[in-house]
Amino acid sequence: MISFLLSLVALVLGYLLYGRFVERVFGPDDRVTPAVAKADGLDYIVLPNWKIFMIQFLNIAGTGPIFGAIMGAKFGPVAYLWIVFGCIFAGAVHDYLSGMLSMRHDGAGLPELIGRYLGKTTKGIMLVFTVLLLIMVGTVFVYSPAEILHSIGGESIMWIIIIFCYYIIATMLPIDKIIGKVYPLFAFSLLFMAAALMVWLFIHWPSLPELWTNLYNMGAATEPETWKDAIFPALFITVACGAISGFHATQSPLMARCVKSEKMGRPIFYGAMITEGVVALIWATVAAWFFYGDPAPGYTLIEQATKGFYTSAPAVVNLVCNDWLGVAGAVLAMLGVVAAPITSGDTAFRSARLIVAEWLKLDQRPIVKRLMICIPLFAVSIAMLIWQIENPDGFNTIWQYFGWSNQTLAVFTLWTLTVYLVRNKKCFWIALIPALFMTTVCSTYFFVSKQMLGLPETVAYGFGIACLIVAIVWFCLWYRREVRSEK
């Protein structure tokens, strides 16, 4: 628990100190924001700051900082380091700068920003990549809630149809009609659940593995025959939303179109990511009790926990919330594993609509033009969902590809931010260092993962290091050209 307490303090200090430094580097001012300059009553609408924060938090969170943190906790307390340092120096920087950069470019979506700073070819590739990723998010966040609701009552197909109908309505309507009204409530529920669990942890103060005595892969030590994932790079792909996630850069422009003043960027974008890091930290600690608690792990103390170390993340949420928080916990768990993924799915489709509209230069005020984009998007999602249902391991397959794609998108976003900072003569190191790190993580995972190339570890790590060297050399050559062109 000492590791948890120190990590919690570090996240707060990260927001107060490093967050302020990043804000000074960017330099927000009093210029008119897109929410005012391009107000259209649909996507560009000034909203109250507290509401924007809650929507941003739920947009980027969903179940990501819960499920990812639970799965990451199987590695042991080393997950704390990634959540803390990843959140402060990578994730929050990524979210803040991508949101502010969108605001500086009239609310532009991520592919447009990437194209402006990394070139038209990269823009075209990332346009397709981003839209497919967003459709994938919407698809995986239909299936899992439908299956959970099916266990309560009704057929899965019925719940799938209901969720899709909600997606269509939420994607088409002005952002303040459903998202602006419902999201703050769900965000409050997630925060309340996390706060209640933290209070329980402080009251009971369980004996948990600490960083200074367990800085190794505890999963491999606990289940050496079956737990094969290495800390690097698997941990950095598994814990995404609680540390850094490329999906966030597709969501930040949604709120960049609703902010009245640039000076609210730090509490909204950087602050929402730090809040997500706190939620991830709490769930990583809860999961540490469940998997490694002393004198007995939590799964031996909860009668319904029958799968031990291999209990799924949604099952851990249900078991712990019911055991610790009673009826209220059961309700909150249901909101967490059902409502949260659905709300991530609808904003994913909304982001996809706006990105495609921006590419085609289609005015989104006429409902017919919104339908022109939404119908193909949902058709692709339905086809993907049918494949997912017909294949026994379809959900896990799509989720694994989503995890890598998500972090790869963060790589391109970080490089975009690096180029922007260089060209504006600002401290580019705040984006360059996480860009280099995540480039190495994603390239190594691509080479070593069985879902990708599945190369032997020594070969895969060698290729990962080679990608890092290439990235450094590429940046140095590009930077030298930039400096010379300015002279």
Protein backbone atom coordinates (compact mmCIF):
# COMPACT_ATOMS: atom_id res chain seq x y z
CA MET A 1 0.00 0.00 0.00
CA ILE A 2 2.97 2.34 0.48
CA SER A 3 3.74 2.02 -3.25
CA PHE A 4 0.14 2.92 -4.02
CA LEU A 5 0.22 5.96 -1.74
CA LEU A 6 3.50 7.24 -3.21
CA SER A 7 2.19 6.70 -6.74
CA LEU A 8 -0.99 8.62 -5.93
CA VAL A 9 1.02 11.57 -4.60
CA ALA A 10 3.27 11.45 -7.66
CA LEU A 11 0.29 11.75 -10.02
CA VAL A 12 -1.04 14.80 -8.15
CA LEU A 13 2.39 16.45 -8.15
CA GLY A 14 2.74 15.58 -11.83
CA TYR A 15 -0.38 17.59 -12.62
CA LEU A 16 0.65 20.54 -10.43
CA LEU A 17 4.29 20.73 -11.54
CA TYR A 18 4.92 19.04 -14.88
CA GLY A 19 1.44 19.89 -16.14
CA ARG A 20 2.12 23.56 -15.53
CA PHE A 21 5.49 23.27 -17.27
CA VAL A 22 3.89 21.67 -20.35
CA GLU A 23 1.26 24.43 -20.33
CA ARG A 24 3.99 27.09 -20.33
CA VAL A 25 5.74 25.35 -23.21
CA PHE A 26 2.60 25.45 -25.35
CA GLY A 27 1.57 28.95 -24.27
CA PRO A 28 -2.25 29.23 -24.25
CA ASP A 29 -3.56 32.75 -24.85
CA ASP A 30 -6.80 34.73 -25.23
CA ARG A 31 -7.46 34.09 -28.92
CA VAL A 32 -10.98 33.16 -30.03
CA THR A 33 -11.50 29.38 -29.91
CA PRO A 34 -13.28 27.26 -32.55
CA ALA A 35 -16.25 26.79 -30.20
CA VAL A 36 -16.96 30.50 -30.60
CA ALA A 37 -15.62 31.22 -34.08
CA LYS A 38 -17.27 28.21 -35.76
CA ALA A 39 -20.34 27.71 -33.56
CA ASP A 40 -22.85 25.58 -35.50
CA GLY A 41 -25.16 24.19 -32.83
CA LEU A 42 -24.05 20.62 -33.71
CA ASP A 43 -20.37 19.89 -33.07
CA TYR A 44 -19.01 23.37 -32.30
CA ILE A 45 -20.83 24.42 -29.13
CA VAL A 46 -19.55 26.23 -26.03
CA LEU A 47 -20.15 23.99 -23.00
CA PRO A 48 -19.51 24.60 -19.28
CA ASN A 49 -15.94 23.73 -18.30
CA TRP A 50 -16.97 21.18 -15.65
CA LYS A 51 -19.14 19.40 -18.20
CA ILE A 52 -16.34 19.36 -20.79
CA PHE A 53 -14.00 17.82 -18.20
CA MET A 54 -16.50 15.08 -17.32
CA ILE A 55 -17.20 14.30 -20.98
CA GLN A 56 -13.49 14.28 -21.83
CA PHE A 57 -12.78 11.99 -18.89
CA LEU A 58 -15.48 9.50 -19.88
CA ASN A 59 -14.53 9.74 -23.58
CA ILE A 60 -10.93 8.75 -22.92
CA ALA A 61 -11.64 6.41 -20.01
CA GLY A 62 -14.55 4.05 -20.60
CA THR A 63 -13.39 0.73 -19.21
CA GLY A 64 -9.81 1.25 -20.40
CA PRO A 65 -8.21 2.33 -17.10
CA ILE A 66 -10.16 -0.44 -15.33
CA PHE A 67 -9.63 -3.50 -17.52
CA GLY A 68 -6.13 -2.50 -18.65
CA ALA A 69 -4.98 -1.82 -15.08
CA ILE A 70 -6.39 -5.14 -13.84
CA MET A 71 -4.61 -7.08 -16.58
CA GLY A 72 -1.46 -5.02 -16.08
CA ALA A 73 -1.48 -5.72 -12.33
CA LYS A 74 -0.74 -9.38 -13.09
CA PHE A 75 2.80 -8.24 -13.88
CA GLY A 76 3.08 -6.99 -10.28
CA PRO A 77 3.73 -3.52 -8.79
CA VAL A 78 5.95 -2.65 -11.76
CA ALA A 79 2.62 -1.61 -13.34
CA TYR A 80 2.61 1.36 -10.92
CA LEU A 81 5.73 2.76 -12.57
CA TRP A 82 4.20 2.66 -16.04
CA ILE A 83 0.92 4.19 -14.87
CA VAL A 84 2.68 7.04 -13.04
CA PHE A 85 5.51 7.89 -15.44
CA GLY A 86 3.51 7.01 -18.54
CA CYS A 87 0.60 9.17 -17.45
CA ILE A 88 2.61 12.25 -16.38
CA PHE A 89 5.30 12.33 -19.08
CA ALA A 90 3.55 10.66 -22.04
CA GLY A 91 -0.23 10.26 -21.80
CA ALA A 92 -1.14 13.64 -20.30
CA VAL A 93 1.33 15.44 -22.59
CA HIS A 94 -0.13 13.56 -25.57
CA ASP A 95 -3.73 14.44 -24.61
CA TYR A 96 -3.06 18.08 -23.71
CA LEU A 97 -1.00 18.94 -26.77
CA SER A 98 -3.28 17.08 -29.21
CA GLY A 99 -6.32 18.87 -27.76
CA MET A 100 -4.63 22.27 -27.84
CA LEU A 101 -3.22 21.72 -31.32
CA SER A 102 -6.71 20.87 -32.55
CA MET A 103 -7.97 24.08 -30.96
CA ARG A 104 -5.23 26.08 -32.71
CA HIS A 105 -6.27 24.57 -36.05
CA ASP A 106 -10.01 25.32 -35.95
CA GLY A 107 -10.94 22.05 -34.23
CA ALA A 108 -9.15 19.85 -36.79
CA GLY A 109 -9.31 16.07 -36.34
CA LEU A 110 -6.24 13.90 -35.80
CA PRO A 111 -5.59 12.82 -39.43
CA GLU A 112 -5.74 16.47 -40.53
CA LEU A 113 -3.17 17.42 -37.89
CA ILE A 114 -0.93 14.49 -38.82
CA GLY A 115 -1.10 15.47 -42.48
CA ARG A 116 -0.23 19.08 -41.71
CA TYR A 117 2.98 18.14 -39.86
CA LEU A 118 3.97 14.69 -41.19
CA GLY A 119 2.93 15.06 -44.84
CA LYS A 120 0.06 14.14 -47.15
CA THR A 121 1.14 10.53 -47.61
CA THR A 122 1.17 9.94 -43.87
CA LYS A 123 -2.17 11.73 -43.62
CA GLY A 124 -3.76 9.35 -46.14
CA ILE A 125 -2.44 6.27 -44.35
CA MET A 126 -3.45 7.54 -40.93
CA LEU A 127 -6.88 8.59 -42.18
CA VAL A 128 -7.70 4.99 -43.07
CA PHE A 129 -5.88 3.67 -40.00
CA THR A 130 -7.71 6.04 -37.62
CA VAL A 131 -11.18 5.46 -39.04
CA LEU A 132 -10.69 1.67 -38.92
CA LEU A 133 -9.45 1.95 -35.33
CA LEU A 134 -12.53 3.99 -34.36
CA ILE A 135 -14.86 1.50 -36.05
CA MET A 136 -13.01 -1.27 -34.21
CA VAL A 137 -13.55 0.55 -30.89
CA GLY A 138 -17.25 0.92 -31.60
CA THR A 139 -17.52 -2.75 -32.57
CA VAL A 140 -15.74 -4.27 -29.58
CA PHE A 141 -17.75 -1.98 -27.29
CA VAL A 142 -21.00 -3.36 -28.71
CA TYR A 143 -20.26 -7.03 -28.19
CA SER A 144 -19.08 -7.08 -24.57
CA PRO A 145 -21.96 -5.00 -23.10
CA ALA A 146 -24.47 -7.03 -25.14
CA GLU A 147 -23.10 -10.28 -23.72
CA ILE A 148 -23.27 -8.94 -20.15
CA LEU A 149 -26.83 -7.68 -20.64
CA HIS A 150 -27.74 -11.07 -22.16
CA SER A 151 -26.73 -12.73 -18.87
CA ILE A 152 -29.35 -10.56 -17.14
CA GLY A 153 -32.12 -11.13 -19.66
CA GLY A 154 -32.98 -11.00 -23.34
CA GLU A 155 -31.11 -12.24 -26.39
CA SER A 156 -27.68 -10.90 -27.32
CA ILE A 157 -28.88 -9.90 -30.78
CA MET A 158 -31.64 -7.81 -29.21
CA TRP A 159 -29.14 -5.90 -27.07
CA ILE A 160 -26.80 -5.47 -30.05
CA ILE A 161 -29.62 -3.89 -32.05
CA ILE A 162 -30.55 -1.61 -29.14
CA ILE A 163 -26.94 -0.48 -28.65
CA PHE A 164 -26.51 0.17 -32.37
CA CYS A 165 -29.71 2.22 -32.42
CA TYR A 166 -28.33 4.31 -29.55
CA TYR A 167 -25.02 4.70 -31.42
CA ILE A 168 -26.81 6.05 -34.50
CA ILE A 169 -28.83 8.55 -32.47
CA ALA A 170 -25.86 9.75 -30.38
CA THR A 171 -23.63 10.03 -33.47
CA MET A 172 -26.17 12.07 -35.43
CA LEU A 173 -27.56 14.45 -32.79
CA PRO A 174 -25.87 17.69 -31.58
CA ILE A 175 -23.24 16.97 -28.95
CA ASP A 176 -25.16 18.73 -26.18
CA LYS A 177 -28.38 16.72 -26.61
CA ILE A 178 -27.33 13.26 -25.37
CA ILE A 179 -23.57 13.27 -24.77
CA GLY A 180 -23.66 16.60 -22.95
CA LYS A 181 -26.48 15.45 -20.66
CA VAL A 182 -25.75 11.76 -19.99
CA TYR A 183 -21.95 11.57 -19.98
CA PRO A 184 -21.37 13.67 -16.84
CA LEU A 185 -23.62 11.26 -14.90
CA PHE A 186 -21.72 8.18 -16.07
CA ALA A 187 -18.39 9.90 -15.46
CA PHE A 188 -19.48 10.70 -11.91
CA SER A 189 -20.45 7.03 -11.42
CA LEU A 190 -16.99 5.84 -12.51
CA LEU A 191 -15.29 8.37 -10.24
CA PHE A 192 -17.55 7.50 -7.31
CA MET A 193 -16.80 3.78 -7.76
CA ALA A 194 -13.05 4.47 -7.81
CA ALA A 195 -13.30 6.74 -4.74
CA ALA A 196 -15.32 4.13 -2.82
CA LEU A 197 -12.74 1.44 -3.58
CA MET A 198 -9.92 3.76 -2.51
CA VAL A 199 -11.66 4.43 0.81
CA TRP A 200 -11.98 0.66 1.32
CA LEU A 201 -8.26 0.24 0.61
CA PHE A 202 -7.29 2.93 3.11
CA ILE A 203 -9.62 1.55 5.80
CA HIS A 204 -8.45 -2.06 5.46
CA TRP A 205 -4.87 -1.28 4.39
CA PRO A 206 -4.20 -4.74 2.86
CA SER A 207 -0.70 -6.11 2.70
CA LEU A 208 0.33 -5.92 -0.96
CA PRO A 209 3.55 -6.42 -2.94
CA GLU A 210 5.71 -3.30 -2.83
CA LEU A 211 7.85 -1.92 -5.63
CA TRP A 212 11.18 -2.15 -3.82
CA THR A 213 10.82 -5.89 -3.11
CA ASN A 214 8.92 -7.07 -6.20
CA LEU A 215 10.33 -5.17 -9.19
CA TYR A 216 10.06 -8.16 -11.54
CA ASN A 217 7.42 -10.01 -13.56
CA MET A 218 5.31 -11.54 -10.79
CA GLY A 219 2.95 -13.11 -13.34
CA ALA A 220 5.75 -15.22 -14.81
CA ALA A 221 6.90 -16.20 -11.31
CA THR A 222 3.35 -17.14 -10.24
CA GLU A 223 2.36 -19.09 -13.37
CA PRO A 224 5.68 -19.95 -15.10
CA GLU A 225 4.14 -22.65 -17.30
CA THR A 226 1.42 -20.49 -18.82
CA TRP A 227 2.27 -16.81 -18.18
CA LYS A 228 4.71 -16.01 -20.99
CA ASP A 229 4.22 -12.25 -21.45
CA ALA A 230 7.37 -10.20 -20.86
CA ILE A 231 7.14 -6.84 -19.12
CA PHE A 232 8.63 -5.22 -22.20
CA PRO A 233 6.76 -4.68 -24.41
CA ALA A 234 3.56 -6.43 -23.23
CA LEU A 235 2.90 -4.25 -20.14
CA PHE A 236 3.08 -1.06 -22.22
CA ILE A 237 0.47 -2.38 -24.66
CA THR A 238 -1.76 -3.90 -21.96
CA VAL A 239 -2.00 -0.75 -19.81
CA ALA A 240 -2.91 1.84 -22.43
CA CYS A 241 -5.71 4.13 -21.28
CA GLY A 242 -4.23 4.44 -17.79
CA ALA A 243 -0.87 5.60 -19.18
CA ILE A 244 -1.04 6.64 -22.85
CA SER A 245 -3.56 5.85 -25.57
CA GLY A 246 -3.74 6.98 -29.18
CA PHE A 247 -7.53 6.75 -29.03
CA HIS A 248 -7.47 9.83 -26.77
CA ALA A 249 -6.10 11.97 -29.61
CA THR A 250 -9.21 11.14 -31.64
CA GLN A 251 -11.42 12.24 -28.75
CA SER A 252 -9.69 15.45 -27.66
CA PRO A 253 -10.80 17.34 -30.82
CA LEU A 254 -14.43 16.66 -29.83
CA MET A 255 -13.94 18.75 -26.71
CA ALA A 256 -11.54 21.19 -28.40
CA ARG A 257 -14.62 22.27 -30.36
CA CYS A 258 -16.48 23.07 -27.13
CA VAL A 259 -13.88 24.98 -25.03
CA LYS A 260 -14.38 28.74 -24.70
CA SER A 261 -10.86 29.59 -23.52
CA GLU A 262 -7.48 28.04 -24.30
CA LYS A 263 -6.48 28.56 -20.67
CA MET A 264 -8.87 25.78 -19.65
CA GLY A 265 -6.82 23.27 -21.63
CA ARG A 266 -4.64 22.06 -18.76
CA PRO A 267 -7.45 21.16 -16.33
CA ILE A 268 -9.54 19.64 -19.11
CA PHE A 269 -7.02 17.69 -21.21
CA TYR A 270 -4.02 17.18 -18.91
CA GLY A 271 -6.27 16.95 -15.85
CA ALA A 272 -8.62 14.34 -17.34
CA MET A 273 -5.64 12.11 -18.17
CA ILE A 274 -4.21 12.42 -14.66
CA THR A 275 -7.66 11.58 -13.28
CA GLU A 276 -7.73 8.52 -15.50
CA GLY A 277 -4.29 7.60 -14.17
CA VAL A 278 -5.65 7.78 -10.60
CA VAL A 279 -8.53 5.48 -11.55
CA ALA A 280 -6.06 3.05 -13.17
CA LEU A 281 -3.87 3.19 -10.07
CA ILE A 282 -6.80 2.33 -7.81
CA TRP A 283 -7.85 -0.61 -9.96
CA ALA A 284 -4.27 -1.86 -10.25
CA THR A 285 -4.14 -1.87 -6.43
CA VAL A 286 -7.49 -3.63 -6.17
CA ALA A 287 -6.25 -6.23 -8.67
CA ALA A 288 -2.97 -6.59 -6.74
CA TRP A 289 -5.05 -7.56 -3.69
CA PHE A 290 -7.09 -9.94 -5.82
CA PHE A 291 -4.07 -11.70 -7.36
CA TYR A 292 -1.30 -11.28 -4.79
CA GLY A 293 -2.80 -10.18 -1.44
CA ASP A 294 -1.17 -11.35 1.77
CA PRO A 295 -1.78 -13.64 3.64
CA ALA A 296 -4.21 -14.87 0.95
CA PRO A 297 -5.00 -13.42 -2.46
CA GLY A 298 -8.48 -12.01 -2.90
CA TYR A 299 -9.67 -14.74 -5.22
CA THR A 300 -9.33 -17.25 -2.38
CA LEU A 301 -11.50 -15.04 -0.15
CA ILE A 302 -14.39 -14.53 -2.59
CA GLU A 303 -16.43 -17.68 -2.99
CA GLN A 304 -17.55 -16.93 -6.56
CA ALA A 305 -13.98 -16.42 -7.80
CA THR A 306 -13.27 -19.82 -9.32
CA LYS A 307 -10.64 -19.06 -11.97
CA GLY A 308 -7.95 -17.70 -9.63
CA PHE A 309 -5.10 -15.88 -11.38
CA TYR A 310 -6.92 -16.17 -14.72
CA THR A 311 -10.09 -14.41 -13.64
CA SER A 312 -11.05 -12.00 -16.43
CA ALA A 313 -10.96 -8.24 -15.87
CA PRO A 314 -14.79 -7.80 -16.08
CA ALA A 315 -15.19 -10.67 -13.61
CA VAL A 316 -12.76 -9.01 -11.17
CA VAL A 317 -14.81 -5.80 -11.37
CA ASN A 318 -18.05 -7.63 -10.61
CA LEU A 319 -16.59 -9.81 -7.86
CA VAL A 320 -14.77 -7.03 -6.02
CA CYS A 321 -17.56 -4.43 -6.29
CA ASN A 322 -20.17 -6.91 -5.06
CA ASP A 323 -17.93 -8.13 -2.24
CA TRP A 324 -16.72 -4.72 -1.08
CA LEU A 325 -19.56 -2.35 -1.91
CA GLY A 326 -22.68 -4.54 -1.76
CA VAL A 327 -25.77 -3.54 -3.76
CA ALA A 328 -24.34 -0.12 -4.60
CA GLY A 329 -21.19 -1.83 -5.85
CA ALA A 330 -23.21 -4.14 -8.07
CA VAL A 331 -24.95 -1.16 -9.67
CA LEU A 332 -21.67 0.69 -10.15
CA ALA A 333 -20.01 -2.41 -11.58
CA MET A 334 -22.85 -2.73 -14.07
CA LEU A 335 -22.38 0.90 -15.10
CA GLY A 336 -18.66 0.31 -15.43
CA VAL A 337 -18.80 -2.81 -17.60
CA VAL A 338 -21.91 -1.86 -19.61
CA ALA A 339 -22.44 1.92 -19.78
CA ALA A 340 -18.78 2.95 -19.96
CA PRO A 341 -17.86 0.90 -23.05
CA ILE A 342 -21.06 1.99 -24.80
CA THR A 343 -20.21 5.65 -24.21
CA SER A 344 -16.72 5.06 -25.62
CA GLY A 345 -18.26 3.41 -28.66
CA ASP A 346 -20.63 6.24 -29.56
CA THR A 347 -17.95 8.92 -29.37
CA ALA A 348 -15.70 6.68 -31.48
CA PHE A 349 -18.31 6.69 -34.24
CA ARG A 350 -18.86 10.42 -33.79
CA SER A 351 -15.13 11.04 -34.18
CA ALA A 352 -15.07 8.83 -37.29
CA ARG A 353 -17.97 10.81 -38.79
CA LEU A 354 -16.20 14.13 -38.22
CA ILE A 355 -12.85 12.86 -39.54
CA VAL A 356 -14.44 11.57 -42.75
CA ALA A 357 -16.49 14.78 -43.10
CA GLU A 358 -13.34 16.85 -42.71
CA TRP A 359 -11.60 14.79 -45.38
CA LEU A 360 -14.53 15.03 -47.83
CA LYS A 361 -15.24 18.65 -46.84
CA LEU A 362 -18.89 17.84 -46.17
CA ASP A 363 -20.91 20.31 -44.13
CA GLN A 364 -22.41 18.29 -41.28
CA ARG A 365 -25.35 20.55 -40.51
CA PRO A 366 -27.69 18.89 -43.08
CA ILE A 367 -28.78 15.54 -41.65
CA VAL A 368 -28.61 13.91 -45.10
CA LYS A 369 -24.85 14.55 -45.24
CA ARG A 370 -24.43 13.05 -41.80
CA LEU A 371 -26.27 9.93 -42.99
CA MET A 372 -24.04 9.74 -46.07
CA ILE A 373 -21.09 9.15 -43.76
CA CYS A 374 -22.74 7.21 -40.92
CA ILE A 375 -24.38 4.50 -43.04
CA PRO A 376 -21.08 3.16 -44.50
CA LEU A 377 -19.39 3.40 -41.08
CA PHE A 378 -22.07 1.33 -39.40
CA ALA A 379 -22.16 -1.13 -42.30
CA VAL A 380 -18.45 -1.86 -41.84
CA SER A 381 -18.94 -2.17 -38.08
CA ILE A 382 -21.82 -4.63 -38.52
CA ALA A 383 -19.74 -6.76 -40.91
CA MET A 384 -16.89 -6.76 -38.38
CA LEU A 385 -19.33 -7.68 -35.61
CA ILE A 386 -20.76 -10.62 -37.60
CA TRP A 387 -17.25 -11.96 -38.14
CA GLN A 388 -16.53 -11.49 -34.44
CA ILE A 389 -19.64 -13.47 -33.42
CA GLU A 390 -19.03 -16.29 -35.91
CA ASN A 391 -15.43 -16.82 -34.78
CA PRO A 392 -15.00 -18.37 -31.30
CA ASP A 393 -12.02 -16.17 -30.43
CA GLY A 394 -13.16 -13.21 -32.52
CA PHE A 395 -13.46 -10.72 -29.64
CA ASN A 396 -9.98 -11.46 -28.27
CA THR A 397 -8.46 -11.28 -31.76
CA ILE A 398 -9.98 -7.88 -32.52
CA TRP A 399 -9.06 -6.60 -29.02
CA GLN A 400 -5.42 -7.60 -29.43
CA TYR A 401 -5.13 -5.83 -32.76
CA PHE A 402 -6.94 -2.86 -31.26
CA GLY A 403 -4.37 -2.68 -28.43
CA TRP A 404 -1.42 -2.49 -30.80
CA SER A 405 -3.21 -0.16 -33.24
CA ASN A 406 -4.16 2.11 -30.36
CA GLN A 407 -0.58 2.54 -29.19
CA THR A 408 0.71 2.87 -32.75
CA LEU A 409 -1.69 5.77 -33.24
CA ALA A 410 -0.15 7.37 -30.14
CA VAL A 411 3.26 7.06 -31.82
CA PHE A 412 2.13 9.07 -34.87
CA THR A 413 0.44 11.62 -32.65
CA LEU A 414 3.58 12.12 -30.57
CA TRP A 415 5.71 12.58 -33.70
CA THR A 416 3.18 15.12 -34.99
CA LEU A 417 3.43 17.03 -31.72
CA THR A 418 7.23 16.87 -31.84
CA VAL A 419 7.31 18.42 -35.32
CA TYR A 420 4.87 21.14 -34.23
CA LEU A 421 7.03 22.04 -31.21
CA VAL A 422 10.23 22.11 -33.27
CA ARG A 423 8.72 24.37 -35.93
CA ASN A 424 7.37 26.73 -33.29
CA LYS A 425 10.71 26.82 -31.43
CA LYS A 426 9.31 25.28 -28.27
CA CYS A 427 10.77 22.62 -25.96
CA PHE A 428 10.24 19.59 -28.24
CA TRP A 429 11.81 17.12 -25.80
CA ILE A 430 8.51 16.77 -23.91
CA ALA A 431 7.06 15.01 -26.99
CA LEU A 432 10.23 13.57 -28.54
CA ILE A 433 11.23 11.33 -25.62
CA PRO A 434 7.83 9.60 -25.30
CA ALA A 435 7.67 9.39 -29.12
CA LEU A 436 10.96 7.48 -29.22
CA PHE A 437 9.93 5.24 -26.32
CA MET A 438 6.53 4.34 -27.79
CA THR A 439 8.10 3.78 -31.23
CA THR A 440 10.34 1.16 -29.63
CA VAL A 441 7.45 -0.42 -27.70
CA CYS A 442 5.14 -0.75 -30.71
CA SER A 443 7.82 -1.93 -33.14
CA THR A 444 9.11 -4.54 -30.67
CA TYR A 445 5.57 -5.77 -29.99
CA PHE A 446 4.97 -6.01 -33.74
CA PHE A 447 7.99 -8.27 -34.13
CA VAL A 448 7.57 -10.42 -30.99
CA SER A 449 3.80 -10.83 -30.59
CA LYS A 450 2.24 -14.08 -31.76
CA GLN A 451 -0.64 -12.04 -33.20
CA MET A 452 1.88 -10.20 -35.39
CA LEU A 453 5.17 -11.67 -36.68
CA GLY A 454 5.92 -13.86 -33.66
CA LEU A 455 9.72 -13.75 -34.06
CA PRO A 456 12.07 -15.15 -31.39
CA GLU A 457 12.60 -12.66 -28.55
CA THR A 458 16.28 -11.99 -29.23
CA VAL A 459 15.54 -11.25 -32.89
CA ALA A 460 12.46 -9.15 -32.08
CA TYR A 461 14.30 -7.08 -29.48
CA GLY A 462 17.13 -6.54 -31.94
CA PHE A 463 14.69 -5.24 -34.55
CA GLY A 464 13.05 -3.05 -31.88
CA ILE A 465 16.40 -1.44 -31.04
CA ALA A 466 17.08 -1.00 -34.75
CA CYS A 467 13.77 0.86 -35.13
CA LEU A 468 14.76 3.14 -32.25
CA ILE A 469 18.11 3.91 -33.90
CA VAL A 470 16.42 4.60 -37.24
CA ALA A 471 13.93 6.94 -35.52
CA ILE A 472 16.73 8.87 -33.79
CA VAL A 473 18.76 9.18 -37.01
CA TRP A 474 15.67 10.23 -38.98
CA PHE A 475 14.83 12.92 -36.44
CA CYS A 476 18.38 14.25 -36.29
CA LEU A 477 18.59 14.53 -40.09
CA TRP A 478 15.17 16.16 -40.31
CA TYR A 479 15.99 18.54 -37.46
CA ARG A 480 19.22 19.61 -39.16
CA ARG A 481 17.30 20.37 -42.37
CA GLU A 482 14.74 22.37 -40.41
CA VAL A 483 17.44 24.47 -38.76
CA ARG A 484 19.20 25.09 -42.07
CA SER A 485 15.95 26.07 -43.83
CA GLU A 486 15.30 28.68 -41.16
CA LYS A 487 18.64 30.32 -41.85
